[in-house]
Protein backbone atom coordinates (compact mmCIF):
# COMPACT_ATOMS: atom_id res chain seq x y z
CA UNK A 1 20.56 8.92 22.67
CA UNK A 2 21.09 12.14 24.64
CA UNK A 3 18.17 14.52 24.56
CA UNK A 4 18.81 18.04 23.36
CA UNK A 5 16.17 20.56 24.33
CA UNK A 6 16.92 22.80 21.34
CA UNK A 7 16.56 19.98 18.83
CA UNK A 8 13.27 20.26 16.94
CA UNK A 9 11.43 17.25 15.53
CA UNK A 10 8.59 17.12 13.05
CA UNK A 11 6.94 13.83 12.15
CA UNK A 12 4.31 13.34 9.46
CA UNK A 13 1.46 10.92 9.02
CA UNK A 14 1.44 9.20 5.61
CA UNK A 15 -2.07 8.32 4.39
CA UNK A 16 -4.02 11.41 3.34
CA UNK A 17 -1.33 13.66 4.79
CA UNK A 18 1.60 13.25 2.40
CA UNK A 19 -0.56 12.12 -0.51
CA UNK A 20 -4.24 12.16 -1.45
CA UNK A 21 -5.66 8.87 -0.17
CA UNK A 22 -9.07 9.69 -1.65
CA UNK A 23 -7.79 9.09 -5.19
CA UNK A 24 -7.37 5.28 -4.92
CA UNK A 25 -10.65 5.03 -2.99
CA UNK A 26 -12.52 6.91 -5.69
CA UNK A 27 -10.93 4.84 -8.46
CA UNK A 28 -11.82 1.59 -6.69
CA UNK A 29 -15.45 2.52 -6.10
CA UNK A 30 -15.90 3.76 -9.66
CA UNK A 31 -14.23 0.69 -11.14
CA UNK A 32 -16.30 -1.75 -9.11
CA UNK A 33 -19.51 0.21 -9.79
CA UNK A 34 -18.98 0.26 -13.55
CA UNK A 35 -17.83 3.85 -13.93
CA UNK A 36 -18.56 7.32 -12.59
CA UNK A 37 -21.82 7.66 -14.52
CA UNK A 38 -23.34 4.75 -12.60
CA UNK A 39 -22.68 6.53 -9.30
CA UNK A 40 -24.06 9.93 -10.20
CA UNK A 41 -23.13 12.53 -7.57
CA UNK A 42 -21.85 10.02 -5.01
CA UNK A 43 -20.17 11.88 -2.07
CA UNK A 44 -16.72 10.34 -2.33
CA UNK A 45 -15.06 12.58 0.25
CA UNK A 46 -17.66 11.86 2.94
CA UNK A 47 -17.59 8.13 2.15
CA UNK A 48 -13.81 8.08 2.31
CA UNK A 49 -13.85 9.48 5.85
CA UNK A 50 -16.28 6.75 6.87
CA UNK A 51 -14.04 4.11 5.27
CA UNK A 52 -11.16 5.37 7.41
CA UNK A 53 -13.38 5.14 10.50
CA UNK A 54 -14.48 1.57 9.76
CA UNK A 55 -10.90 0.55 8.93
CA UNK A 56 -9.71 1.82 12.31
CA UNK A 57 -12.51 0.17 14.26
CA UNK A 58 -12.24 -3.19 12.51
CA UNK A 59 -8.47 -3.15 12.84
CA UNK A 60 -8.77 -2.61 16.58
CA UNK A 61 -11.14 -5.56 16.84
CA UNK A 62 -8.52 -7.75 15.15
CA UNK A 63 -5.71 -6.62 17.44
CA UNK A 64 -4.32 -3.58 15.70
CA UNK A 65 -1.91 -3.04 12.84
CA UNK A 66 0.53 -5.64 14.12
CA UNK A 67 -2.03 -8.28 13.22
CA UNK A 68 -2.97 -6.74 9.88
CA UNK A 69 -0.34 -7.96 7.43
CA UNK A 70 -2.15 -10.91 5.89
CA UNK A 71 -4.56 -13.74 6.52
CA UNK A 72 -8.25 -14.53 6.34
CA UNK A 73 -9.19 -12.13 9.15
CA UNK A 74 -7.42 -9.25 7.41
CA UNK A 75 -9.05 -10.08 4.10
CA UNK A 76 -12.44 -10.10 5.81
CA UNK A 77 -11.80 -6.74 7.51
CA UNK A 78 -10.76 -5.09 4.26
CA UNK A 79 -13.83 -6.43 2.50
CA UNK A 80 -16.19 -5.63 5.38
CA UNK A 81 -15.11 -1.98 5.64
CA UNK A 82 -16.39 -1.39 2.11
CA UNK A 83 -19.72 -3.04 2.94
CA UNK A 84 -20.18 -0.93 6.07
CA UNK A 85 -19.15 2.28 4.32
CA UNK A 86 -21.21 1.93 1.17
CA UNK A 87 -24.25 0.78 3.17
CA UNK A 88 -24.25 4.15 4.94
CA UNK A 89 -24.76 5.76 1.53
CA UNK A 90 -27.53 3.45 0.39
CA UNK A 91 -25.40 1.01 -1.61
CA UNK A 92 -25.53 -2.54 -0.24
CA UNK A 93 -22.66 -4.78 -1.36
CA UNK A 94 -22.49 -8.54 -1.53
CA UNK A 95 -19.30 -10.17 -0.30
CA UNK A 96 -18.20 -10.66 -3.91
CA UNK A 97 -18.82 -7.00 -4.78
CA UNK A 98 -16.95 -5.79 -1.69
CA UNK A 99 -14.04 -8.12 -2.46
CA UNK A 100 -13.88 -6.74 -6.00
CA UNK A 101 -13.85 -3.19 -4.63
CA UNK A 102 -11.06 -4.05 -2.21
CA UNK A 103 -9.03 -5.68 -5.00
CA UNK A 104 -9.41 -2.56 -7.12
CA UNK A 105 -8.42 -0.41 -4.14
CA UNK A 106 -5.21 -2.34 -3.51
CA UNK A 107 -4.49 -2.33 -7.22
CA UNK A 108 -4.20 1.45 -7.36
CA UNK A 109 -3.01 2.29 -3.83
CA UNK A 110 0.64 2.45 -4.80
CA UNK A 111 0.07 4.79 -7.75
CA UNK A 112 0.85 7.74 -5.53
CA UNK A 113 1.50 11.42 -6.14
CA UNK A 114 2.45 13.54 -3.14
CA UNK A 115 0.47 16.69 -2.40
CA UNK A 116 1.80 19.81 -4.08
CA UNK A 117 4.62 21.19 -1.97
CA UNK A 118 4.99 18.15 0.28
CA UNK A 119 8.37 16.94 -0.98
CA UNK A 120 9.75 20.46 -1.09
CA UNK A 121 8.66 21.12 2.51
CA UNK A 122 10.30 17.92 3.78
CA UNK A 123 13.52 18.91 2.07
CA UNK A 124 13.38 22.46 3.45
CA UNK A 125 12.70 21.28 7.01
CA UNK A 126 15.70 18.94 6.88
CA UNK A 127 17.96 21.73 5.56
CA UNK A 128 16.74 23.97 8.39
CA UNK A 129 17.92 21.42 10.95
CA UNK A 130 14.64 19.77 11.90
CA UNK A 131 14.63 16.06 12.73
CA UNK A 132 12.13 14.86 10.11
CA UNK A 133 10.32 11.53 10.34
CA UNK A 134 7.16 9.53 9.69
CA UNK A 135 4.67 7.86 12.02
CA UNK A 136 2.04 5.80 10.23
CA UNK A 137 -0.47 3.16 11.24
CA UNK A 138 -0.60 0.00 9.18
CA UNK A 139 0.96 -3.30 8.29
CA UNK A 140 4.71 -3.00 7.58
CA UNK A 141 4.85 -4.31 4.00
CA UNK A 142 1.74 -2.36 2.99
CA UNK A 143 2.99 0.97 4.36
CA UNK A 144 6.54 0.33 3.16
CA UNK A 145 5.24 -0.01 -0.42
CA UNK A 146 3.63 3.44 -0.17
CA UNK A 147 6.78 4.96 1.30
CA UNK A 148 8.86 3.50 -1.52
CA UNK A 149 6.35 4.68 -4.15
CA UNK A 150 6.89 8.24 -2.90
CA UNK A 151 10.69 7.74 -2.77
CA UNK A 152 10.75 8.92 0.84
CA UNK A 153 13.96 7.01 1.55
CA UNK A 154 15.64 9.87 -0.34
CA UNK A 155 14.38 12.33 2.27
CA UNK A 156 13.97 10.49 5.58
CA UNK A 157 16.27 7.85 7.10
CA UNK A 158 14.56 4.48 7.50
CA UNK A 159 15.12 4.48 11.24
CA UNK A 160 12.79 7.49 11.42
CA UNK A 161 10.07 5.85 9.34
CA UNK A 162 7.93 4.44 12.16
CA UNK A 163 5.23 1.94 11.14
CA UNK A 164 2.85 0.84 13.87
CA UNK A 165 2.72 -2.76 12.73
CA UNK A 166 6.46 -3.04 13.37
CA UNK A 167 6.33 -1.21 16.70
CA UNK A 168 3.41 -3.08 18.25
CA UNK A 169 1.52 0.13 19.11
CA UNK A 170 -1.00 1.97 16.97
CA UNK A 171 -1.71 5.68 17.06
CA UNK A 172 -3.30 7.19 19.15
CA UNK A 173 -1.26 5.23 21.73
CA UNK A 174 1.12 7.76 23.28
CA UNK A 175 3.90 5.14 23.31
CA UNK A 176 4.32 5.61 19.56
CA UNK A 177 5.20 9.27 20.06
CA UNK A 178 7.36 8.60 23.12
CA UNK A 179 9.31 6.07 21.08
CA UNK A 180 9.94 8.72 18.42
CA UNK A 181 11.33 11.04 21.10
CA UNK A 182 13.58 8.34 22.56
CA UNK A 183 14.80 7.38 19.12
CA UNK A 184 15.71 10.91 18.11
CA UNK A 185 16.82 12.34 21.43
CA UNK A 186 14.13 15.01 21.35
CA UNK A 187 11.59 16.26 23.87
CA UNK A 188 7.79 16.25 23.44
CA UNK A 189 7.58 20.01 23.84
CA UNK A 190 10.00 20.45 20.92
CA UNK A 191 8.14 17.97 18.71
CA UNK A 192 5.42 18.61 16.13
CA UNK A 193 3.14 16.06 14.51
CA UNK A 194 1.35 16.71 11.22
CA UNK A 195 -1.64 14.50 10.44
CA UNK A 196 -5.18 14.47 9.08
CA UNK A 197 -6.90 12.04 11.48
CA UNK A 198 -8.54 13.63 14.51
CA UNK A 199 -8.53 10.46 16.62
CA UNK A 200 -5.16 9.02 15.64
CA UNK A 201 -3.12 12.14 14.96
CA UNK A 202 -4.55 15.09 16.88
CA UNK A 203 -5.63 13.22 20.01
CA UNK A 204 -2.67 10.84 20.03
CA UNK A 205 0.06 13.46 19.67
CA UNK A 206 -1.53 15.98 22.04
CA UNK A 207 -1.86 13.38 24.77
CA UNK A 208 1.83 12.56 24.31
CA UNK A 209 2.70 16.21 24.95
CA UNK A 210 3.47 17.11 21.34
CA UNK A 211 2.30 20.11 19.39
CA UNK A 212 -0.01 19.21 16.53
CA UNK A 213 -0.79 20.63 13.13
CA UNK A 214 -4.13 19.19 12.07
CA UNK A 215 -3.89 18.82 8.29
CA UNK A 216 -7.60 19.30 7.78
CA UNK A 217 -7.70 19.55 4.01
CA UNK A 218 -11.07 17.73 3.94
CA UNK A 219 -12.74 20.22 6.29
CA UNK A 220 -13.68 17.49 8.75
CA UNK A 221 -15.51 18.23 11.99
CA UNK A 222 -13.75 18.11 15.34
CA UNK A 223 -14.58 15.00 17.36
CA UNK A 224 -13.61 16.01 20.90
CA UNK A 225 -12.60 18.95 23.06
CA UNK A 226 -8.91 18.56 22.17
CA UNK A 227 -7.34 21.68 20.70
CA UNK A 228 -4.73 21.26 17.93
CA UNK A 229 -1.89 23.74 18.09
CA UNK A 230 -2.50 24.80 14.49
CA UNK A 231 -4.75 23.83 11.61
CA UNK A 232 -3.80 23.86 7.93
CA UNK A 233 -5.47 22.80 4.70
CA UNK A 234 -2.53 22.96 2.26
CA UNK A 235 1.23 22.58 2.17
CA UNK A 236 1.56 26.30 1.53
CA UNK A 237 -0.13 26.88 4.90
CA UNK A 238 1.98 24.16 6.52
CA UNK A 239 5.16 25.81 5.29
CA UNK A 240 4.11 29.17 6.75
CA UNK A 241 3.47 27.54 10.12
CA UNK A 242 6.61 25.41 10.33
CA UNK A 243 9.21 27.64 8.67
CA UNK A 244 8.41 30.93 10.36
């Protein structure tokens, strides 16, 4: 496709960027622990960030998202991430307990509500002439189920819904972002990525030459000297940045 310098692209991460990924995590932990009262003042937000970290690291050990669709190794990784995460907060889990937590997590992961203003912003960006797309890490069927739960096919053509497990590259690999540019005929300097993960989204997109809006709604700490182009904590702030 011919590249057009004036053509603007904006791609979004999915998990914890378009919808609140903490909700299914919290439900799973509470369900497996016997309810919220049993956990007291457990720091769900901090634990969720550690679960994301362990998921990324274990996935890399197994060969990335392209190897993460199914199988014994994947089942072990998904169970083990809960053990590693909860252990950091003083809650050791047996294999059976971690498997029950993972089963509860999967059971509610597709009960998804987008962040307030997210759908409206995607629609407004498309009307304004932006090339709108998704770039998400994960196994194809798993991520596709989330995309369908949010009815994103109504807003974004499937060819612009890029899932790492189908591509063979995981964020932060710059090839993911270069592929998005080649696919849409856009240039890195005219492309914006919106995502919550410092390592995968901020670092990955910046090193591919894109501008980045760090969707830091969890007030996470920066992990390197990289400098996101903008930072936002809500879709109201995102709209002000992208539609001005």
